[in-house]
Amino acid sequence: MHEIVLNANESVPTYLSILHSDCETLFPDDEFKLVDPRLNGLMLDPDGLQICEKYTILRVCHLCNGYLPRSLMPRYALANKLYRGRLPKEFRDLTWIEERMCAKYSNTAAVKSRYLVGARMHR
C-alpha cells in the first residue's frame, strides 16, 4: 500500500479531483461525506482513510498511486463506474446470494495479485 499524507494545513492534491462522482444525481448528498471535509465528494472507501488531528492518510494500492498523480482514472477505483450505491435499509441484512438475486446490475470484478498469478505460472 502507498500512503498519501495530507497535513492539516494542506489542500487536497488537484489530481484527486478525478475521483469525484460524475453521477452526483444518483447518490445522496451524504453518500461520500467523509470525516475530513476536504475529501467530501471524493469516491473513497472510508476504510482506506486514517484521520488524525494533524494529518489525514489515504491508503491506495501502488497501481492506483501510479495512475492518480497523472490524473488518470485507476481501473478499480469506485469512481470508474464500479459503485452503484447502497442498498435501502430494509435490504441491508440480506445474504450475499439474496443480494445477487435482487440486483438490477450484477457487476463482478476479480482483482488478482500479480504475485499469485506469477506463482501459478511457475508451477
N, C-alpha and C. Protein backbone atom coordinates (compact mmCIF):
# COMPACT_ATOMS: atom_id res chain seq x y z
N MET A 1 0.83 -1.19 0.00
CA MET A 1 0.00 0.00 0.00
C MET A 1 0.87 1.24 0.00
N HIS A 2 0.37 2.26 -0.64
CA HIS A 2 1.05 3.55 -0.67
C HIS A 2 0.21 4.52 0.16
N GLU A 3 0.87 5.38 0.89
CA GLU A 3 0.17 6.34 1.73
C GLU A 3 0.35 7.75 1.18
N ILE A 4 -0.77 8.44 1.01
CA ILE A 4 -0.76 9.86 0.64
C ILE A 4 -1.08 10.61 1.93
N VAL A 5 -0.13 11.37 2.42
CA VAL A 5 -0.29 12.08 3.69
C VAL A 5 -0.67 13.52 3.41
N LEU A 6 -1.79 13.95 4.00
CA LEU A 6 -2.25 15.33 3.87
C LEU A 6 -2.15 15.99 5.25
N ASN A 7 -1.25 16.93 5.39
CA ASN A 7 -1.17 17.67 6.66
C ASN A 7 -2.41 18.52 6.83
N ALA A 8 -2.72 18.86 8.06
CA ALA A 8 -3.96 19.58 8.37
C ALA A 8 -4.06 20.92 7.65
N ASN A 9 -2.95 21.56 7.38
CA ASN A 9 -2.99 22.89 6.74
C ASN A 9 -2.82 22.81 5.22
N GLU A 10 -2.73 21.61 4.66
CA GLU A 10 -2.56 21.44 3.22
C GLU A 10 -3.91 21.27 2.53
N SER A 11 -3.94 21.65 1.28
CA SER A 11 -5.14 21.37 0.49
C SER A 11 -4.96 19.99 -0.18
N VAL A 12 -6.05 19.44 -0.64
CA VAL A 12 -6.03 18.14 -1.30
C VAL A 12 -5.36 18.30 -2.66
N PRO A 13 -4.47 17.38 -3.04
CA PRO A 13 -3.85 17.48 -4.37
C PRO A 13 -4.90 17.51 -5.47
N THR A 14 -4.68 18.34 -6.45
CA THR A 14 -5.68 18.51 -7.52
C THR A 14 -5.91 17.22 -8.30
N TYR A 15 -4.92 16.35 -8.38
CA TYR A 15 -5.11 15.12 -9.15
C TYR A 15 -6.15 14.20 -8.54
N LEU A 16 -6.49 14.38 -7.26
CA LEU A 16 -7.53 13.55 -6.65
C LEU A 16 -8.93 13.93 -7.10
N SER A 17 -9.06 15.08 -7.76
CA SER A 17 -10.39 15.52 -8.23
C SER A 17 -10.98 14.54 -9.24
N ILE A 18 -10.15 13.71 -9.84
CA ILE A 18 -10.65 12.71 -10.79
C ILE A 18 -11.56 11.70 -10.09
N LEU A 19 -11.46 11.61 -8.76
CA LEU A 19 -12.25 10.65 -8.00
C LEU A 19 -13.63 11.18 -7.61
N HIS A 20 -13.98 12.38 -8.07
CA HIS A 20 -15.34 12.89 -7.83
C HIS A 20 -16.32 12.09 -8.67
N SER A 21 -17.48 11.84 -8.11
CA SER A 21 -18.51 11.11 -8.84
C SER A 21 -19.01 11.96 -9.99
N ASP A 22 -19.08 11.37 -11.18
CA ASP A 22 -19.66 12.09 -12.32
C ASP A 22 -21.16 11.88 -12.38
N CYS A 23 -21.69 11.09 -11.45
CA CYS A 23 -23.12 10.80 -11.39
C CYS A 23 -23.68 11.31 -10.07
N GLU A 24 -23.44 12.57 -9.75
CA GLU A 24 -23.83 13.11 -8.45
C GLU A 24 -25.32 13.03 -8.19
N THR A 25 -26.13 13.01 -9.25
CA THR A 25 -27.57 12.95 -9.04
C THR A 25 -28.03 11.55 -8.62
N LEU A 26 -27.20 10.53 -8.83
CA LEU A 26 -27.58 9.17 -8.47
C LEU A 26 -27.41 8.87 -6.99
N PHE A 27 -26.51 9.60 -6.31
CA PHE A 27 -26.19 9.30 -4.93
C PHE A 27 -26.63 10.45 -4.03
N PRO A 28 -27.07 10.13 -2.81
CA PRO A 28 -27.45 11.19 -1.87
C PRO A 28 -26.26 12.10 -1.55
N ASP A 29 -26.56 13.29 -1.08
CA ASP A 29 -25.51 14.26 -0.77
C ASP A 29 -24.52 13.75 0.27
N ASP A 30 -24.99 12.91 1.19
CA ASP A 30 -24.10 12.44 2.25
C ASP A 30 -23.42 11.11 1.93
N GLU A 31 -23.61 10.60 0.71
CA GLU A 31 -23.05 9.30 0.34
C GLU A 31 -21.53 9.26 0.48
N PHE A 32 -20.87 10.31 0.07
CA PHE A 32 -19.40 10.36 0.17
C PHE A 32 -18.98 11.54 1.04
N LYS A 33 -19.66 11.68 2.17
CA LYS A 33 -19.29 12.69 3.15
C LYS A 33 -18.35 12.02 4.14
N LEU A 34 -17.11 12.47 4.17
CA LEU A 34 -16.08 11.83 4.97
C LEU A 34 -15.73 12.68 6.18
N VAL A 35 -15.02 12.09 7.12
CA VAL A 35 -14.67 12.78 8.36
C VAL A 35 -13.82 14.02 8.08
N ASP A 36 -12.90 13.92 7.13
CA ASP A 36 -12.10 15.08 6.73
C ASP A 36 -12.87 15.82 5.64
N PRO A 37 -13.41 17.01 5.94
CA PRO A 37 -14.27 17.70 4.98
C PRO A 37 -13.57 18.05 3.66
N ARG A 38 -12.25 18.07 3.64
CA ARG A 38 -11.53 18.34 2.39
C ARG A 38 -11.75 17.23 1.37
N LEU A 39 -12.12 16.05 1.83
CA LEU A 39 -12.28 14.89 0.96
C LEU A 39 -13.73 14.63 0.57
N ASN A 40 -14.66 15.45 1.06
CA ASN A 40 -16.08 15.25 0.75
C ASN A 40 -16.31 15.26 -0.75
N GLY A 41 -17.10 14.30 -1.21
CA GLY A 41 -17.42 14.20 -2.63
C GLY A 41 -16.49 13.28 -3.40
N LEU A 42 -15.33 12.96 -2.83
CA LEU A 42 -14.43 12.02 -3.49
C LEU A 42 -14.93 10.61 -3.22
N MET A 43 -14.97 9.78 -4.22
CA MET A 43 -15.45 8.41 -4.07
C MET A 43 -14.33 7.56 -3.47
N LEU A 44 -14.21 7.66 -2.15
CA LEU A 44 -13.18 6.93 -1.41
C LEU A 44 -13.84 6.00 -0.41
N ASP A 45 -13.23 4.86 -0.19
CA ASP A 45 -13.70 3.93 0.83
C ASP A 45 -13.16 4.42 2.17
N PRO A 46 -14.03 4.70 3.15
CA PRO A 46 -13.57 5.21 4.44
C PRO A 46 -12.58 4.27 5.14
N ASP A 47 -12.61 2.97 4.80
CA ASP A 47 -11.66 2.04 5.42
C ASP A 47 -10.22 2.32 4.99
N GLY A 48 -10.03 3.03 3.91
CA GLY A 48 -8.69 3.36 3.43
C GLY A 48 -8.18 4.68 3.96
N LEU A 49 -8.90 5.29 4.90
CA LEU A 49 -8.51 6.58 5.45
C LEU A 49 -8.12 6.45 6.91
N GLN A 50 -7.12 7.21 7.29
CA GLN A 50 -6.77 7.34 8.71
C GLN A 50 -6.78 8.82 9.02
N ILE A 51 -7.69 9.23 9.86
CA ILE A 51 -7.87 10.64 10.20
C ILE A 51 -7.25 10.90 11.56
N CYS A 52 -6.33 11.84 11.63
CA CYS A 52 -5.73 12.27 12.88
C CYS A 52 -5.91 13.78 13.00
N GLU A 53 -5.56 14.32 14.14
CA GLU A 53 -5.72 15.75 14.36
C GLU A 53 -4.82 16.58 13.45
N LYS A 54 -3.60 16.10 13.21
CA LYS A 54 -2.62 16.88 12.45
C LYS A 54 -2.49 16.46 10.99
N TYR A 55 -3.05 15.31 10.62
CA TYR A 55 -2.90 14.84 9.25
C TYR A 55 -3.97 13.81 8.92
N THR A 56 -4.14 13.58 7.62
CA THR A 56 -5.01 12.53 7.11
C THR A 56 -4.18 11.66 6.18
N ILE A 57 -4.34 10.35 6.31
CA ILE A 57 -3.61 9.43 5.44
C ILE A 57 -4.61 8.72 4.54
N LEU A 58 -4.37 8.75 3.24
CA LEU A 58 -5.15 7.99 2.26
C LEU A 58 -4.30 6.81 1.85
N ARG A 59 -4.81 5.62 2.04
CA ARG A 59 -4.07 4.42 1.63
C ARG A 59 -4.61 3.95 0.28
N VAL A 60 -3.71 3.88 -0.68
CA VAL A 60 -4.06 3.41 -2.02
C VAL A 60 -3.04 2.36 -2.45
N CYS A 61 -3.44 1.48 -3.35
CA CYS A 61 -2.50 0.47 -3.83
C CYS A 61 -1.47 1.14 -4.74
N HIS A 62 -0.39 0.44 -4.99
CA HIS A 62 0.69 1.00 -5.81
C HIS A 62 0.23 1.28 -7.24
N LEU A 63 -0.63 0.43 -7.76
CA LEU A 63 -1.14 0.64 -9.12
C LEU A 63 -1.93 1.94 -9.19
N CYS A 64 -2.84 2.15 -8.24
CA CYS A 64 -3.64 3.39 -8.22
C CYS A 64 -2.74 4.60 -8.02
N ASN A 65 -1.74 4.46 -7.17
CA ASN A 65 -0.82 5.56 -6.95
C ASN A 65 -0.04 5.92 -8.22
N GLY A 66 0.13 4.97 -9.11
CA GLY A 66 0.77 5.26 -10.38
C GLY A 66 -0.13 6.03 -11.33
N TYR A 67 -1.43 5.80 -11.24
CA TYR A 67 -2.39 6.47 -12.12
C TYR A 67 -2.77 7.87 -11.62
N LEU A 68 -3.09 7.98 -10.34
CA LEU A 68 -3.65 9.23 -9.81
C LEU A 68 -2.78 10.46 -10.04
N PRO A 69 -1.48 10.44 -9.75
CA PRO A 69 -0.69 11.66 -9.98
C PRO A 69 -0.64 12.11 -11.44
N ARG A 70 -0.97 11.20 -12.35
CA ARG A 70 -1.01 11.55 -13.78
C ARG A 70 -2.43 11.92 -14.21
N SER A 71 -3.34 12.09 -13.23
CA SER A 71 -4.76 12.41 -13.48
C SER A 71 -5.43 11.38 -14.38
N LEU A 72 -5.07 10.12 -14.20
CA LEU A 72 -5.70 9.03 -14.93
C LEU A 72 -6.54 8.21 -13.96
N MET A 73 -7.70 7.77 -14.42
CA MET A 73 -8.61 7.01 -13.57
C MET A 73 -8.07 5.60 -13.37
N PRO A 74 -7.87 5.19 -12.13
CA PRO A 74 -7.45 3.80 -11.88
C PRO A 74 -8.56 2.83 -12.27
N ARG A 75 -8.17 1.69 -12.77
CA ARG A 75 -9.12 0.69 -13.26
C ARG A 75 -10.13 0.27 -12.18
N TYR A 76 -9.68 0.08 -10.96
CA TYR A 76 -10.56 -0.42 -9.90
C TYR A 76 -11.01 0.66 -8.92
N ALA A 77 -11.00 1.91 -9.34
CA ALA A 77 -11.49 3.00 -8.50
C ALA A 77 -13.02 2.97 -8.47
N LEU A 78 -13.59 3.30 -7.32
CA LEU A 78 -15.05 3.38 -7.22
C LEU A 78 -15.61 4.36 -8.25
N ALA A 79 -14.89 5.44 -8.50
CA ALA A 79 -15.35 6.47 -9.44
C ALA A 79 -15.31 5.99 -10.88
N ASN A 80 -14.73 4.84 -11.14
CA ASN A 80 -14.65 4.31 -12.50
C ASN A 80 -15.88 3.43 -12.78
N LYS A 81 -17.04 3.93 -12.38
CA LYS A 81 -18.34 3.28 -12.58
C LYS A 81 -18.42 1.90 -11.92
N LEU A 82 -17.69 1.72 -10.82
CA LEU A 82 -17.74 0.46 -10.09
C LEU A 82 -18.63 0.55 -8.85
N TYR A 83 -19.26 1.67 -8.63
CA TYR A 83 -20.10 1.85 -7.46
C TYR A 83 -21.52 2.12 -7.90
N ARG A 84 -22.45 1.35 -7.38
CA ARG A 84 -23.87 1.50 -7.76
C ARG A 84 -24.72 2.07 -6.64
N GLY A 85 -24.13 2.38 -5.50
CA GLY A 85 -24.89 2.92 -4.39
C GLY A 85 -25.13 1.88 -3.32
N ARG A 86 -25.76 2.31 -2.24
CA ARG A 86 -26.06 1.43 -1.12
C ARG A 86 -27.46 0.88 -1.24
N LEU A 87 -27.63 -0.29 -0.67
CA LEU A 87 -28.97 -0.87 -0.62
C LEU A 87 -29.84 -0.09 0.36
N PRO A 88 -31.15 -0.02 0.11
CA PRO A 88 -32.04 0.59 1.10
C PRO A 88 -31.94 -0.18 2.42
N LYS A 89 -32.27 0.49 3.53
CA LYS A 89 -32.12 -0.10 4.86
C LYS A 89 -32.84 -1.45 4.99
N GLU A 90 -34.02 -1.58 4.39
CA GLU A 90 -34.77 -2.82 4.55
C GLU A 90 -34.11 -4.01 3.86
N PHE A 91 -33.12 -3.76 3.00
CA PHE A 91 -32.42 -4.85 2.32
C PHE A 91 -31.00 -5.08 2.82
N ARG A 92 -30.57 -4.37 3.83
CA ARG A 92 -29.17 -4.46 4.27
C ARG A 92 -28.82 -5.75 5.01
N ASP A 93 -29.81 -6.50 5.46
CA ASP A 93 -29.49 -7.74 6.16
C ASP A 93 -29.63 -8.97 5.27
N LEU A 94 -29.68 -8.76 3.96
CA LEU A 94 -29.77 -9.88 3.03
C LEU A 94 -28.45 -10.65 2.98
N THR A 95 -28.54 -11.91 2.67
CA THR A 95 -27.32 -12.69 2.44
C THR A 95 -26.76 -12.30 1.08
N TRP A 96 -25.53 -12.71 0.82
CA TRP A 96 -24.89 -12.38 -0.45
C TRP A 96 -25.70 -12.92 -1.63
N ILE A 97 -26.17 -14.16 -1.53
CA ILE A 97 -26.92 -14.76 -2.63
C ILE A 97 -28.26 -14.05 -2.84
N GLU A 98 -28.90 -13.60 -1.76
CA GLU A 98 -30.15 -12.85 -1.89
C GLU A 98 -29.91 -11.51 -2.59
N GLU A 99 -28.79 -10.87 -2.26
CA GLU A 99 -28.44 -9.62 -2.95
C GLU A 99 -28.25 -9.86 -4.44
N ARG A 100 -27.55 -10.93 -4.79
CA ARG A 100 -27.30 -11.24 -6.20
C ARG A 100 -28.61 -11.49 -6.95
N MET A 101 -29.55 -12.13 -6.28
CA MET A 101 -30.83 -12.44 -6.92
C MET A 101 -31.66 -11.17 -7.16
N CYS A 102 -31.52 -10.17 -6.30
CA CYS A 102 -32.31 -8.95 -6.39
C CYS A 102 -31.62 -7.84 -7.19
N ALA A 103 -30.36 -8.03 -7.53
CA ALA A 103 -29.56 -6.96 -8.13
C ALA A 103 -30.08 -6.58 -9.52
N LYS A 104 -30.24 -5.28 -9.72
CA LYS A 104 -30.60 -4.78 -11.04
C LYS A 104 -29.40 -4.91 -11.97
N TYR A 105 -28.22 -4.61 -11.44
CA TYR A 105 -26.96 -4.76 -12.16
C TYR A 105 -26.13 -5.78 -11.40
N SER A 106 -25.46 -6.62 -12.10
CA SER A 106 -24.63 -7.63 -11.44
C SER A 106 -23.21 -7.53 -11.98
N ASN A 107 -22.45 -6.64 -11.38
CA ASN A 107 -21.05 -6.48 -11.78
C ASN A 107 -20.17 -7.32 -10.86
N THR A 108 -19.24 -7.99 -11.46
CA THR A 108 -18.25 -8.68 -10.65
C THR A 108 -16.89 -8.30 -11.18
N ALA A 109 -15.96 -8.17 -10.28
CA ALA A 109 -14.59 -7.85 -10.67
C ALA A 109 -13.67 -8.72 -9.85
N ALA A 110 -12.69 -9.28 -10.50
CA ALA A 110 -11.70 -10.08 -9.80
C ALA A 110 -10.37 -9.35 -9.86
N VAL A 111 -9.87 -9.00 -8.71
CA VAL A 111 -8.58 -8.32 -8.64
C VAL A 111 -7.58 -9.36 -8.20
N LYS A 112 -6.66 -9.69 -9.07
CA LYS A 112 -5.67 -10.71 -8.76
C LYS A 112 -4.32 -10.06 -8.51
N SER A 113 -3.65 -10.57 -7.54
CA SER A 113 -2.31 -10.10 -7.25
C SER A 113 -1.37 -10.64 -8.32
N ARG A 114 -0.47 -9.81 -8.79
CA ARG A 114 0.47 -10.28 -9.80
C ARG A 114 1.40 -11.35 -9.21
N TYR A 115 1.56 -11.34 -7.89
CA TYR A 115 2.41 -12.34 -7.25
C TYR A 115 1.73 -13.70 -7.31
N LEU A 116 0.41 -13.74 -7.09
CA LEU A 116 -0.31 -15.01 -7.18
C LEU A 116 -0.31 -15.52 -8.60
N VAL A 117 -0.54 -14.62 -9.56
CA VAL A 117 -0.53 -15.01 -10.95
C VAL A 117 0.85 -15.54 -11.31
N GLY A 118 1.89 -14.85 -10.88
CA GLY A 118 3.26 -15.30 -11.16
C GLY A 118 3.55 -16.63 -10.53
N ALA A 119 3.03 -16.88 -9.32
CA ALA A 119 3.25 -18.16 -8.66
C ALA A 119 2.58 -19.29 -9.43
N ARG A 120 1.43 -19.03 -9.98
CA ARG A 120 0.74 -20.06 -10.75
C ARG A 120 1.49 -20.36 -12.05
N MET A 121 2.10 -19.36 -12.61
CA MET A 121 2.80 -19.55 -13.87
C MET A 121 4.05 -20.41 -13.70
N HIS A 122 4.62 -20.42 -12.51
CA HIS A 122 5.88 -21.14 -12.31
C HIS A 122 5.69 -22.56 -11.81
N ARG A 123 4.46 -23.04 -11.74
CA ARG A 123 4.22 -24.42 -11.27
C ARG A 123 4.73 -25.43 -12.25
